[in-house]
Amino acid sequence: MLGLGALGVAAAPPLQRGLESFLGSAADKDPTGLTGLLPNGGGFRYYSVTSSVPHKNEDTYRLTVDGLVDRPTTYSLSDLRALPQTRMVRDVQCVTGWRVPDTPFEGVRLSRLLDAAGVRSSAGAVRFTCFDGEYTESLTLSQARRADVLVALRMQDKDLNHSHGGPVRLYVAPMYFYKSAKWLSGITVTKDVRPGYWENRGYDVDAWVGRSNGRDDDAT
């Protein structure tokens, strides 16, 4: 029994990684979201609103910052990695009910990119677009400037993989996870908030954990 127990402990991490990799790949080809119902030891569920998402790498990834700014900018992956990085550990809470506690994220504070672009006085919000060609999100300018909002490059102390929205995703720590748009490609400063993909389908625009959609979850 002790031998079997030790074998189980040794085998669990690679088996879990393999299961997570399989579910991520399957979800990338499953616009129904049904793969999210499968058990997953890592706690995450993999969602995409399109039938497939192109893969981006060091050579092909670009992030644009534009809109109501004085200095529109395009960043490569190496450009983002060269900027000061912030690491934070928070619970990830999905509006559908699952939670992954104590999840490390690391990246560039969104406020740093906004400051570098020179946000104009007429601005009041930020819109996010993704290279899946479909997903969008928005924050007010004051929300976007919070210290716990990142343009994330790493998760769980590893580079963001494709299934988790890599190579770069948004991470809005105090809000439900649908606000943390995967496969981030565009940051556009706007005058007003423009509801994103899920807000246009009934989700709250302000998705604070514990104060959104009538739930009583503890704030992350």
C-alpha atoms as a PDB file:
ATOM      1  CA  MET A   1       0.000   0.000   0.000  1.00  0.00           C
ATOM      2  CA  LEU A   2       2.830   2.386   0.853  1.00  0.00           C
ATOM      3  CA  GLY A   3       4.520   1.557  -2.441  1.00  0.00           C
ATOM      4  CA  LEU A   4       1.349   2.225  -4.440  1.00  0.00           C
ATOM      5  CA  GLY A   5       0.811   5.460  -2.538  1.00  0.00           C
ATOM      6  CA  ALA A   6       4.330   6.645  -3.328  1.00  0.00           C
ATOM      7  CA  LEU A   7       3.839   5.708  -6.991  1.00  0.00           C
ATOM      8  CA  GLY A   8       0.613   7.720  -7.080  1.00  0.00           C
ATOM      9  CA  VAL A   9       2.323  10.776  -5.606  1.00  0.00           C
ATOM     10  CA  ALA A  10       5.164  10.531  -8.134  1.00  0.00           C
ATOM     11  CA  ALA A  11       2.841  10.008 -11.100  1.00  0.00           C
ATOM     12  CA  ALA A  12       0.245  12.660 -10.208  1.00  0.00           C
ATOM     13  CA  PRO A  13       2.049  15.813 -11.480  1.00  0.00           C
ATOM     14  CA  PRO A  14       2.848  14.531 -15.012  1.00  0.00           C
ATOM     15  CA  LEU A  15      -0.614  12.972 -15.303  1.00  0.00           C
ATOM     16  CA  GLN A  16      -2.229  16.253 -14.267  1.00  0.00           C
ATOM     17  CA  ARG A  17      -0.091  18.217 -16.729  1.00  0.00           C
ATOM     18  CA  GLY A  18      -1.018  15.771 -19.475  1.00  0.00           C
ATOM     19  CA  LEU A  19      -4.719  16.062 -18.668  1.00  0.00           C
ATOM     20  CA  GLU A  20      -4.566  19.858 -18.615  1.00  0.00           C
ATOM     21  CA  SER A  21      -2.719  19.875 -21.958  1.00  0.00           C
ATOM     22  CA  PHE A  22      -5.303  17.530 -23.501  1.00  0.00           C
ATOM     23  CA  LEU A  23      -8.250  19.568 -22.225  1.00  0.00           C
ATOM     24  CA  GLY A  24      -6.666  22.804 -23.404  1.00  0.00           C
ATOM     25  CA  SER A  25      -6.134  21.436 -26.909  1.00  0.00           C
ATOM     26  CA  ALA A  26      -9.623  19.953 -27.022  1.00  0.00           C
ATOM     27  CA  ALA A  27     -11.236  23.186 -25.816  1.00  0.00           C
ATOM     28  CA  ASP A  28      -9.413  25.111 -28.533  1.00  0.00           C
ATOM     29  CA  LYS A  29     -11.420  23.106 -31.069  1.00  0.00           C
ATOM     30  CA  ASP A  30     -14.695  23.041 -29.112  1.00  0.00           C
ATOM     31  CA  PRO A  31     -16.844  26.186 -29.483  1.00  0.00           C
ATOM     32  CA  THR A  32     -19.658  24.492 -27.498  1.00  0.00           C
ATOM     33  CA  GLY A  33     -17.780  24.752 -24.196  1.00  0.00           C
ATOM     34  CA  LEU A  34     -18.689  21.140 -23.329  1.00  0.00           C
ATOM     35  CA  THR A  35     -15.044  20.297 -22.619  1.00  0.00           C
ATOM     36  CA  GLY A  36     -15.350  22.636 -19.649  1.00  0.00           C
ATOM     37  CA  LEU A  37     -17.557  19.993 -17.990  1.00  0.00           C
ATOM     38  CA  LEU A  38     -14.755  17.429 -17.910  1.00  0.00           C
ATOM     39  CA  PRO A  39     -12.929  16.928 -14.594  1.00  0.00           C
ATOM     40  CA  ASN A  40      -9.596  18.689 -14.343  1.00  0.00           C
ATOM     41  CA  GLY A  41      -7.238  18.327 -11.419  1.00  0.00           C
ATOM     42  CA  GLY A  42      -5.717  21.750 -12.069  1.00  0.00           C
ATOM     43  CA  GLY A  43      -9.062  23.394 -11.395  1.00  0.00           C
ATOM     44  CA  PHE A  44      -9.198  25.459 -14.581  1.00  0.00           C
ATOM     45  CA  ARG A  45     -11.788  25.143 -17.331  1.00  0.00           C
ATOM     46  CA  TYR A  46     -10.809  26.046 -20.886  1.00  0.00           C
ATOM     47  CA  TYR A  47     -13.111  28.331 -22.844  1.00  0.00           C
ATOM     48  CA  SER A  48     -13.040  29.801 -26.331  1.00  0.00           C
ATOM     49  CA  VAL A  49     -15.844  31.553 -28.197  1.00  0.00           C
ATOM     50  CA  THR A  50     -14.442  30.621 -31.628  1.00  0.00           C
ATOM     51  CA  SER A  51     -13.847  27.294 -33.327  1.00  0.00           C
ATOM     52  CA  SER A  52     -10.076  27.853 -33.387  1.00  0.00           C
ATOM     53  CA  VAL A  53      -7.483  30.405 -32.286  1.00  0.00           C
ATOM     54  CA  PRO A  54      -4.223  31.049 -34.155  1.00  0.00           C
ATOM     55  CA  HIS A  55      -0.978  30.477 -32.271  1.00  0.00           C
ATOM     56  CA  LYS A  56       1.388  33.420 -31.752  1.00  0.00           C
ATOM     57  CA  ASN A  57       5.061  33.293 -30.796  1.00  0.00           C
ATOM     58  CA  GLU A  58       8.079  35.551 -30.280  1.00  0.00           C
ATOM     59  CA  ASP A  59       8.215  36.389 -33.979  1.00  0.00           C
ATOM     60  CA  THR A  60       4.509  36.877 -34.716  1.00  0.00           C
ATOM     61  CA  TYR A  61       3.020  38.351 -31.525  1.00  0.00           C
ATOM     62  CA  ARG A  62       2.277  42.084 -31.367  1.00  0.00           C
ATOM     63  CA  LEU A  63       0.280  44.174 -28.874  1.00  0.00           C
ATOM     64  CA  THR A  64      -0.986  47.587 -29.976  1.00  0.00           C
ATOM     65  CA  VAL A  65      -1.888  50.477 -27.679  1.00  0.00           C
ATOM     66  CA  ASP A  66      -3.914  53.151 -29.481  1.00  0.00           C
ATOM     67  CA  GLY A  67      -7.087  55.245 -29.399  1.00  0.00           C
ATOM     68  CA  LEU A  68      -7.196  58.429 -27.303  1.00  0.00           C
ATOM     69  CA  VAL A  69      -3.451  58.510 -26.677  1.00  0.00           C
ATOM     70  CA  ASP A  70      -0.636  60.841 -27.728  1.00  0.00           C
ATOM     71  CA  ARG A  71       1.854  58.069 -28.495  1.00  0.00           C
ATOM     72  CA  PRO A  72       0.333  54.951 -30.091  1.00  0.00           C
ATOM     73  CA  THR A  73       2.701  52.043 -29.553  1.00  0.00           C
ATOM     74  CA  THR A  74       3.201  48.485 -30.740  1.00  0.00           C
ATOM     75  CA  TYR A  75       4.957  46.014 -28.432  1.00  0.00           C
ATOM     76  CA  SER A  76       6.607  42.731 -29.300  1.00  0.00           C
ATOM     77  CA  LEU A  77       6.830  39.939 -26.767  1.00  0.00           C
ATOM     78  CA  SER A  78      10.453  40.813 -26.033  1.00  0.00           C
ATOM     79  CA  ASP A  79       9.477  44.471 -25.542  1.00  0.00           C
ATOM     80  CA  LEU A  80       6.948  43.484 -22.880  1.00  0.00           C
ATOM     81  CA  ARG A  81       9.397  41.148 -21.155  1.00  0.00           C
ATOM     82  CA  ALA A  82      11.948  43.962 -20.954  1.00  0.00           C
ATOM     83  CA  LEU A  83       9.590  46.171 -18.915  1.00  0.00           C
ATOM     84  CA  PRO A  84       9.389  45.995 -15.079  1.00  0.00           C
ATOM     85  CA  GLN A  85       7.350  42.932 -14.056  1.00  0.00           C
ATOM     86  CA  THR A  86       4.844  42.653 -11.222  1.00  0.00           C
ATOM     87  CA  ARG A  87       3.998  39.319  -9.592  1.00  0.00           C
ATOM     88  CA  MET A  88       0.827  38.749  -7.581  1.00  0.00           C
ATOM     89  CA  VAL A  89      -0.883  35.694  -6.110  1.00  0.00           C
ATOM     90  CA  ARG A  90      -4.689  35.716  -6.015  1.00  0.00           C
ATOM     91  CA  ASP A  91      -7.618  33.332  -6.256  1.00  0.00           C
ATOM     92  CA  VAL A  92      -9.049  32.942  -9.754  1.00  0.00           C
ATOM     93  CA  GLN A  93     -12.845  32.985  -9.594  1.00  0.00           C
ATOM     94  CA  CYS A  94     -15.039  32.142 -12.590  1.00  0.00           C
ATOM     95  CA  VAL A  95     -18.584  33.480 -12.680  1.00  0.00           C
ATOM     96  CA  THR A  96     -19.793  29.915 -13.378  1.00  0.00           C
ATOM     97  CA  GLY A  97     -18.653  28.857  -9.919  1.00  0.00           C
ATOM     98  CA  TRP A  98     -15.224  27.216 -10.076  1.00  0.00           C
ATOM     99  CA  ARG A  99     -12.278  28.691  -8.219  1.00  0.00           C
ATOM    100  CA  VAL A 100      -8.500  28.099  -8.368  1.00  0.00           C
ATOM    101  CA  PRO A 101      -6.882  29.434  -5.189  1.00  0.00           C
ATOM    102  CA  ASP A 102      -3.485  31.089  -4.809  1.00  0.00           C
ATOM    103  CA  THR A 103      -2.659  31.413  -8.502  1.00  0.00           C
ATOM    104  CA  PRO A 104       0.494  33.416  -9.359  1.00  0.00           C
ATOM    105  CA  PHE A 105       0.350  35.836 -12.292  1.00  0.00           C
ATOM    106  CA  GLU A 106       3.214  37.981 -13.526  1.00  0.00           C
ATOM    107  CA  GLY A 107       3.389  40.740 -16.103  1.00  0.00           C
ATOM    108  CA  VAL A 108       3.411  44.457 -16.811  1.00  0.00           C
ATOM    109  CA  ARG A 109       0.986  46.708 -14.994  1.00  0.00           C
ATOM    110  CA  LEU A 110      -1.550  48.005 -17.491  1.00  0.00           C
ATOM    111  CA  SER A 111      -1.178  51.468 -15.976  1.00  0.00           C
ATOM    112  CA  ARG A 112       2.475  51.516 -17.089  1.00  0.00           C
ATOM    113  CA  LEU A 113       1.503  50.961 -20.738  1.00  0.00           C
ATOM    114  CA  LEU A 114      -1.220  53.616 -20.496  1.00  0.00           C
ATOM    115  CA  ASP A 115       1.173  56.131 -18.986  1.00  0.00           C
ATOM    116  CA  ALA A 116       3.758  55.417 -21.685  1.00  0.00           C
ATOM    117  CA  ALA A 117       1.142  56.044 -24.383  1.00  0.00           C
ATOM    118  CA  GLY A 118      -0.002  59.350 -22.876  1.00  0.00           C
ATOM    119  CA  VAL A 119      -3.740  59.048 -22.223  1.00  0.00           C
ATOM    120  CA  ARG A 120      -5.674  62.130 -23.315  1.00  0.00           C
ATOM    121  CA  SER A 121      -7.941  64.084 -20.974  1.00  0.00           C
ATOM    122  CA  SER A 122     -11.056  63.100 -22.962  1.00  0.00           C
ATOM    123  CA  ALA A 123     -10.507  59.388 -22.223  1.00  0.00           C
ATOM    124  CA  GLY A 124     -12.655  57.472 -19.772  1.00  0.00           C
ATOM    125  CA  ALA A 125     -12.315  53.785 -20.614  1.00  0.00           C
ATOM    126  CA  VAL A 126     -10.147  51.085 -22.175  1.00  0.00           C
ATOM    127  CA  ARG A 127     -11.259  48.471 -24.698  1.00  0.00           C
ATOM    128  CA  PHE A 128      -9.427  45.173 -25.199  1.00  0.00           C
ATOM    129  CA  THR A 129      -9.399  43.040 -28.341  1.00  0.00           C
ATOM    130  CA  CYS A 130      -8.016  39.548 -28.868  1.00  0.00           C
ATOM    131  CA  PHE A 131      -6.370  37.716 -31.741  1.00  0.00           C
ATOM    132  CA  ASP A 132      -9.090  35.081 -31.769  1.00  0.00           C
ATOM    133  CA  GLY A 133     -10.932  37.766 -33.759  1.00  0.00           C
ATOM    134  CA  GLU A 134     -14.043  37.729 -31.573  1.00  0.00           C
ATOM    135  CA  TYR A 135     -13.505  38.305 -27.849  1.00  0.00           C
ATOM    136  CA  THR A 136     -13.577  41.838 -26.458  1.00  0.00           C
ATOM    137  CA  GLU A 137     -13.575  43.388 -22.992  1.00  0.00           C
ATOM    138  CA  SER A 138     -13.629  46.846 -21.391  1.00  0.00           C
ATOM    139  CA  LEU A 139     -12.708  48.599 -18.155  1.00  0.00           C
ATOM    140  CA  THR A 140     -13.188  52.137 -16.969  1.00  0.00           C
ATOM    141  CA  LEU A 141      -9.964  54.116 -16.975  1.00  0.00           C
ATOM    142  CA  SER A 142      -9.829  54.134 -13.169  1.00  0.00           C
ATOM    143  CA  GLN A 143     -10.279  50.342 -13.089  1.00  0.00           C
ATOM    144  CA  ALA A 144      -7.577  49.890 -15.730  1.00  0.00           C
ATOM    145  CA  ARG A 145      -5.127  51.939 -13.671  1.00  0.00           C
ATOM    146  CA  ARG A 146      -5.430  49.722 -10.599  1.00  0.00           C
ATOM    147  CA  ALA A 147      -2.201  48.147  -9.384  1.00  0.00           C
ATOM    148  CA  ASP A 148      -3.782  44.660  -9.572  1.00  0.00           C
ATOM    149  CA  VAL A 149      -4.535  44.787 -13.315  1.00  0.00           C
ATOM    150  CA  LEU A 150      -1.798  43.234 -15.447  1.00  0.00           C
ATOM    151  CA  VAL A 151      -0.889  42.557 -19.019  1.00  0.00           C
ATOM    152  CA  ALA A 152       0.172  39.065 -17.992  1.00  0.00           C
ATOM    153  CA  LEU A 153       3.019  37.056 -19.531  1.00  0.00           C
ATOM    154  CA  ARG A 154       3.294  34.298 -16.924  1.00  0.00           C
ATOM    155  CA  MET A 155       0.920  32.190 -14.836  1.00  0.00           C
ATOM    156  CA  GLN A 156       1.768  29.637 -12.148  1.00  0.00           C
ATOM    157  CA  ASP A 157       5.425  30.687 -12.565  1.00  0.00           C
ATOM    158  CA  LYS A 158       5.519  29.555 -16.204  1.00  0.00           C
ATOM    159  CA  ASP A 159       5.164  31.412 -19.481  1.00  0.00           C
ATOM    160  CA  LEU A 160       1.508  31.618 -20.473  1.00  0.00           C
ATOM    161  CA  ASN A 161       0.692  28.762 -22.816  1.00  0.00           C
ATOM    162  CA  HIS A 162      -1.804  28.997 -25.643  1.00  0.00           C
ATOM    163  CA  SER A 163      -4.656  27.293 -23.788  1.00  0.00           C
ATOM    164  CA  HIS A 164      -4.417  29.829 -20.964  1.00  0.00           C
ATOM    165  CA  GLY A 165      -4.499  32.759 -23.393  1.00  0.00           C
ATOM    166  CA  GLY A 166      -0.811  33.065 -24.174  1.00  0.00           C
ATOM    167  CA  PRO A 167       1.526  34.430 -24.992  1.00  0.00           C
ATOM    168  CA  VAL A 168      -0.168  37.485 -23.429  1.00  0.00           C
ATOM    169  CA  ARG A 169      -3.499  37.927 -21.675  1.00  0.00           C
ATOM    170  CA  LEU A 170      -5.215  40.507 -19.539  1.00  0.00           C
ATOM    171  CA  TYR A 171      -5.456  39.758 -15.820  1.00  0.00           C
ATOM    172  CA  VAL A 172      -7.969  41.719 -13.747  1.00  0.00           C
ATOM    173  CA  ALA A 173      -7.397  40.273 -10.286  1.00  0.00           C
ATOM    174  CA  PRO A 174     -10.426  41.660  -8.376  1.00  0.00           C
ATOM    175  CA  MET A 175     -13.026  40.727 -11.018  1.00  0.00           C
ATOM    176  CA  TYR A 176     -14.552  37.509 -12.313  1.00  0.00           C
ATOM    177  CA  PHE A 177     -12.257  35.752 -14.733  1.00  0.00           C
ATOM    178  CA  TYR A 178     -14.223  36.576 -17.903  1.00  0.00           C
ATOM    179  CA  LYS A 179     -12.812  40.113 -17.597  1.00  0.00           C
ATOM    180  CA  SER A 180      -9.268  38.684 -17.967  1.00  0.00           C
ATOM    181  CA  ALA A 181      -9.354  38.433 -21.750  1.00  0.00           C
ATOM    182  CA  LYS A 182      -7.182  35.725 -23.306  1.00  0.00           C
ATOM    183  CA  TRP A 183      -4.990  36.131 -26.429  1.00  0.00           C
ATOM    184  CA  LEU A 184      -4.708  39.882 -25.923  1.00  0.00           C
ATOM    185  CA  SER A 185      -3.754  41.835 -29.053  1.00  0.00           C
ATOM    186  CA  GLY A 186      -5.171  45.351 -28.690  1.00  0.00           C
ATOM    187  CA  ILE A 187      -5.565  48.005 -25.990  1.00  0.00           C
ATOM    188  CA  THR A 188      -7.641  50.935 -27.222  1.00  0.00           C
ATOM    189  CA  VAL A 189      -8.315  53.967 -25.037  1.00  0.00           C
ATOM    190  CA  THR A 190     -11.869  55.230 -25.571  1.00  0.00           C
ATOM    191  CA  LYS A 191     -14.186  57.904 -24.246  1.00  0.00           C
ATOM    192  CA  ASP A 192     -16.764  55.528 -22.764  1.00  0.00           C
ATOM    193  CA  VAL A 193     -16.997  51.859 -21.780  1.00  0.00           C
ATOM    194  CA  ARG A 194     -18.040  49.600 -24.628  1.00  0.00           C
ATOM    195  CA  PRO A 195     -19.575  46.356 -23.351  1.00  0.00           C
ATOM    196  CA  GLY A 196     -17.523  43.299 -24.243  1.00  0.00           C
ATOM    197  CA  TYR A 197     -18.415  39.915 -25.705  1.00  0.00           C
ATOM    198  CA  TRP A 198     -20.093  38.512 -22.592  1.00  0.00           C
ATOM    199  CA  GLU A 199     -21.572  41.816 -21.426  1.00  0.00           C
ATOM    200  CA  ASN A 200     -23.487  41.947 -24.697  1.00  0.00           C
ATOM    201  CA  ARG A 201     -24.885  38.556 -23.674  1.00  0.00           C
ATOM    202  CA  GLY A 202     -26.059  39.599 -20.227  1.00  0.00           C
ATOM    203  CA  TYR A 203     -22.959  39.517 -17.991  1.00  0.00           C
ATOM    204  CA  ASP A 204     -22.198  42.450 -15.689  1.00  0.00           C
ATOM    205  CA  VAL A 205     -19.955  45.190 -17.048  1.00  0.00           C
ATOM    206  CA  ASP A 206     -18.541  45.762 -13.552  1.00  0.00           C
ATOM    207  CA  ALA A 207     -17.640  42.224 -12.519  1.00  0.00           C
ATOM    208  CA  TRP A 208     -16.274  42.658  -9.000  1.00  0.00           C
ATOM    209  CA  VAL A 209     -16.016  39.316  -7.231  1.00  0.00           C
ATOM    210  CA  GLY A 210     -18.553  39.305  -4.396  1.00  0.00           C
ATOM    211  CA  ARG A 211     -20.575  42.203  -5.798  1.00  0.00           C
ATOM    212  CA  SER A 212     -21.554  40.938  -9.238  1.00  0.00           C
ATOM    213  CA  ASN A 213     -24.430  38.810 -10.501  1.00  0.00           C
ATOM    214  CA  GLY A 214     -25.985  38.404  -7.047  1.00  0.00           C
ATOM    215  CA  ARG A 215     -23.231  36.089  -5.778  1.00  0.00           C
ATOM    216  CA  ASP A 216     -21.794  36.210  -2.277  1.00  0.00           C
ATOM    217  CA  ASP A 217     -18.248  34.965  -2.928  1.00  0.00           C
ATOM    218  CA  ASP A 218     -15.527  36.386  -0.743  1.00  0.00           C
ATOM    219  CA  ALA A 219     -13.525  39.006  -2.598  1.00  0.00           C
ATOM    220  CA  THR A 220     -10.237  37.703  -4.002  1.00  0.00           C
END
